[in-house]
Amino acid sequence: MPPSDGHIGRAAGHASQPVIAALLASSVVILLFLGLGYLERQRFRETLQTGTINSLSGVRAGLEAEINGNFYLTHGLIAYIATK
């Protein structure tokens, strides 16, 4: 049996350091990609929300104009009939 002076354990430990470093680097890259994916989904959702708000604002303005037009027409007819 060869004498055990601890070099075998240290050599195995040194050999595993590049593997650990590679796993750590891979984990960091994966986490970065997941974070960027999340941010991109947030940006896309905000873009959709802004487009929807802009579209609905136009619809609201049209409805408001129509309602106000009818209101003022009715108010004018009431005033006209009241003076006769």
C-alpha atoms as a PDB file:
ATOM      1  CA  MET A   1       0.000   0.000   0.000  1.00  0.00           C
ATOM      2  CA  PRO A   2       1.363   3.426  -0.882  1.00  0.00           C
ATOM      3  CA  PRO A   3       1.795   5.871   1.912  1.00  0.00           C
ATOM      4  CA  SER A   4      -1.004   8.329   2.269  1.00  0.00           C
ATOM      5  CA  ASP A   5       0.369  11.832   2.536  1.00  0.00           C
ATOM      6  CA  GLY A   6      -2.781  13.705   1.518  1.00  0.00           C
ATOM      7  CA  HIS A   7      -1.683  14.646  -2.008  1.00  0.00           C
ATOM      8  CA  ILE A   8      -4.301  12.472  -3.666  1.00  0.00           C
ATOM      9  CA  GLY A   9      -7.166  14.272  -1.899  1.00  0.00           C
ATOM     10  CA  ARG A  10      -5.763  17.673  -2.771  1.00  0.00           C
ATOM     11  CA  ALA A  11      -5.227  16.714  -6.393  1.00  0.00           C
ATOM     12  CA  ALA A  12      -8.833  15.583  -6.674  1.00  0.00           C
ATOM     13  CA  GLY A  13      -9.931  18.853  -5.020  1.00  0.00           C
ATOM     14  CA  HIS A  14      -7.896  20.915  -7.474  1.00  0.00           C
ATOM     15  CA  ALA A  15      -9.325  18.974 -10.409  1.00  0.00           C
ATOM     16  CA  SER A  16     -12.874  19.731  -9.312  1.00  0.00           C
ATOM     17  CA  GLN A  17     -12.276  23.496  -9.074  1.00  0.00           C
ATOM     18  CA  PRO A  18     -12.650  24.104 -12.856  1.00  0.00           C
ATOM     19  CA  VAL A  19     -15.852  22.068 -12.833  1.00  0.00           C
ATOM     20  CA  ILE A  20     -17.231  24.113  -9.945  1.00  0.00           C
ATOM     21  CA  ALA A  21     -16.188  27.346 -11.676  1.00  0.00           C
ATOM     22  CA  ALA A  22     -17.857  26.212 -14.915  1.00  0.00           C
ATOM     23  CA  LEU A  23     -21.058  25.322 -13.058  1.00  0.00           C
ATOM     24  CA  LEU A  24     -21.040  28.657 -11.277  1.00  0.00           C
ATOM     25  CA  ALA A  25     -20.452  30.572 -14.520  1.00  0.00           C
ATOM     26  CA  SER A  26     -23.202  28.590 -16.255  1.00  0.00           C
ATOM     27  CA  SER A  27     -25.583  29.315 -13.404  1.00  0.00           C
ATOM     28  CA  VAL A  28     -24.845  33.037 -13.616  1.00  0.00           C
ATOM     29  CA  VAL A  29     -25.423  33.054 -17.383  1.00  0.00           C
ATOM     30  CA  ILE A  30     -28.709  31.160 -16.997  1.00  0.00           C
ATOM     31  CA  LEU A  31     -29.884  33.560 -14.301  1.00  0.00           C
ATOM     32  CA  LEU A  32     -28.982  36.529 -16.503  1.00  0.00           C
ATOM     33  CA  PHE A  33     -30.964  35.097 -19.412  1.00  0.00           C
ATOM     34  CA  LEU A  34     -33.955  34.439 -17.157  1.00  0.00           C
ATOM     35  CA  GLY A  35     -33.768  37.997 -15.826  1.00  0.00           C
ATOM     36  CA  LEU A  36     -33.525  39.463 -19.316  1.00  0.00           C
ATOM     37  CA  GLY A  37     -36.486  37.341 -20.435  1.00  0.00           C
ATOM     38  CA  TYR A  38     -38.531  38.659 -17.533  1.00  0.00           C
ATOM     39  CA  LEU A  39     -37.604  42.262 -18.334  1.00  0.00           C
ATOM     40  CA  GLU A  40     -38.483  41.765 -22.005  1.00  0.00           C
ATOM     41  CA  ARG A  41     -41.899  40.330 -21.087  1.00  0.00           C
ATOM     42  CA  GLN A  42     -42.505  43.326 -18.802  1.00  0.00           C
ATOM     43  CA  ARG A  43     -41.580  45.744 -21.595  1.00  0.00           C
ATOM     44  CA  PHE A  44     -43.855  43.949 -24.059  1.00  0.00           C
ATOM     45  CA  ARG A  45     -46.744  43.987 -21.558  1.00  0.00           C
ATOM     46  CA  GLU A  46     -46.258  47.726 -20.994  1.00  0.00           C
ATOM     47  CA  THR A  47     -46.204  48.310 -24.755  1.00  0.00           C
ATOM     48  CA  LEU A  48     -49.490  46.434 -25.133  1.00  0.00           C
ATOM     49  CA  GLN A  49     -50.986  48.363 -22.228  1.00  0.00           C
ATOM     50  CA  THR A  50     -49.963  51.697 -23.746  1.00  0.00           C
ATOM     51  CA  GLY A  51     -51.453  50.753 -27.123  1.00  0.00           C
ATOM     52  CA  THR A  52     -54.707  49.657 -25.502  1.00  0.00           C
ATOM     53  CA  ILE A  53     -54.941  52.862 -23.467  1.00  0.00           C
ATOM     54  CA  ASN A  54     -54.360  54.949 -26.604  1.00  0.00           C
ATOM     55  CA  SER A  55     -57.044  53.051 -28.534  1.00  0.00           C
ATOM     56  CA  LEU A  56     -59.554  53.298 -25.716  1.00  0.00           C
ATOM     57  CA  SER A  57     -58.840  57.009 -25.305  1.00  0.00           C
ATOM     58  CA  GLY A  58     -59.926  57.563 -28.906  1.00  0.00           C
ATOM     59  CA  VAL A  59     -63.095  55.533 -28.366  1.00  0.00           C
ATOM     60  CA  ARG A  60     -63.833  57.459 -25.168  1.00  0.00           C
ATOM     61  CA  ALA A  61     -63.341  60.794 -26.922  1.00  0.00           C
ATOM     62  CA  GLY A  62     -65.728  59.767 -29.706  1.00  0.00           C
ATOM     63  CA  LEU A  63     -68.380  58.592 -27.269  1.00  0.00           C
ATOM     64  CA  GLU A  64     -67.995  61.729 -25.183  1.00  0.00           C
ATOM     65  CA  ALA A  65     -68.392  63.932 -28.265  1.00  0.00           C
ATOM     66  CA  GLU A  66     -71.517  62.035 -29.322  1.00  0.00           C
ATOM     67  CA  ILE A  67     -73.076  62.199 -25.851  1.00  0.00           C
ATOM     68  CA  ASN A  68     -72.255  65.884 -25.448  1.00  0.00           C
ATOM     69  CA  GLY A  69     -73.667  66.627 -28.905  1.00  0.00           C
ATOM     70  CA  ASN A  70     -76.915  64.887 -28.057  1.00  0.00           C
ATOM     71  CA  PHE A  71     -77.034  66.572 -24.654  1.00  0.00           C
ATOM     72  CA  TYR A  72     -76.550  70.063 -26.073  1.00  0.00           C
ATOM     73  CA  LEU A  73     -79.060  69.420 -28.865  1.00  0.00           C
ATOM     74  CA  THR A  74     -81.647  68.259 -26.325  1.00  0.00           C
ATOM     75  CA  HIS A  75     -80.867  71.202 -24.074  1.00  0.00           C
ATOM     76  CA  GLY A  76     -81.265  73.587 -27.035  1.00  0.00           C
ATOM     77  CA  LEU A  77     -84.596  72.015 -28.056  1.00  0.00           C
ATOM     78  CA  ILE A  78     -85.881  72.297 -24.491  1.00  0.00           C
ATOM     79  CA  ALA A  79     -84.871  75.975 -24.399  1.00  0.00           C
ATOM     80  CA  TYR A  80     -86.515  76.597 -27.795  1.00  0.00           C
ATOM     81  CA  ILE A  81     -89.764  74.887 -26.755  1.00  0.00           C
ATOM     82  CA  ALA A  82     -89.775  76.758 -23.431  1.00  0.00           C
ATOM     83  CA  THR A  83     -89.663  80.110 -25.246  1.00  0.00           C
ATOM     84  CA  LYS A  84     -92.650  79.285 -27.500  1.00  0.00           C
END
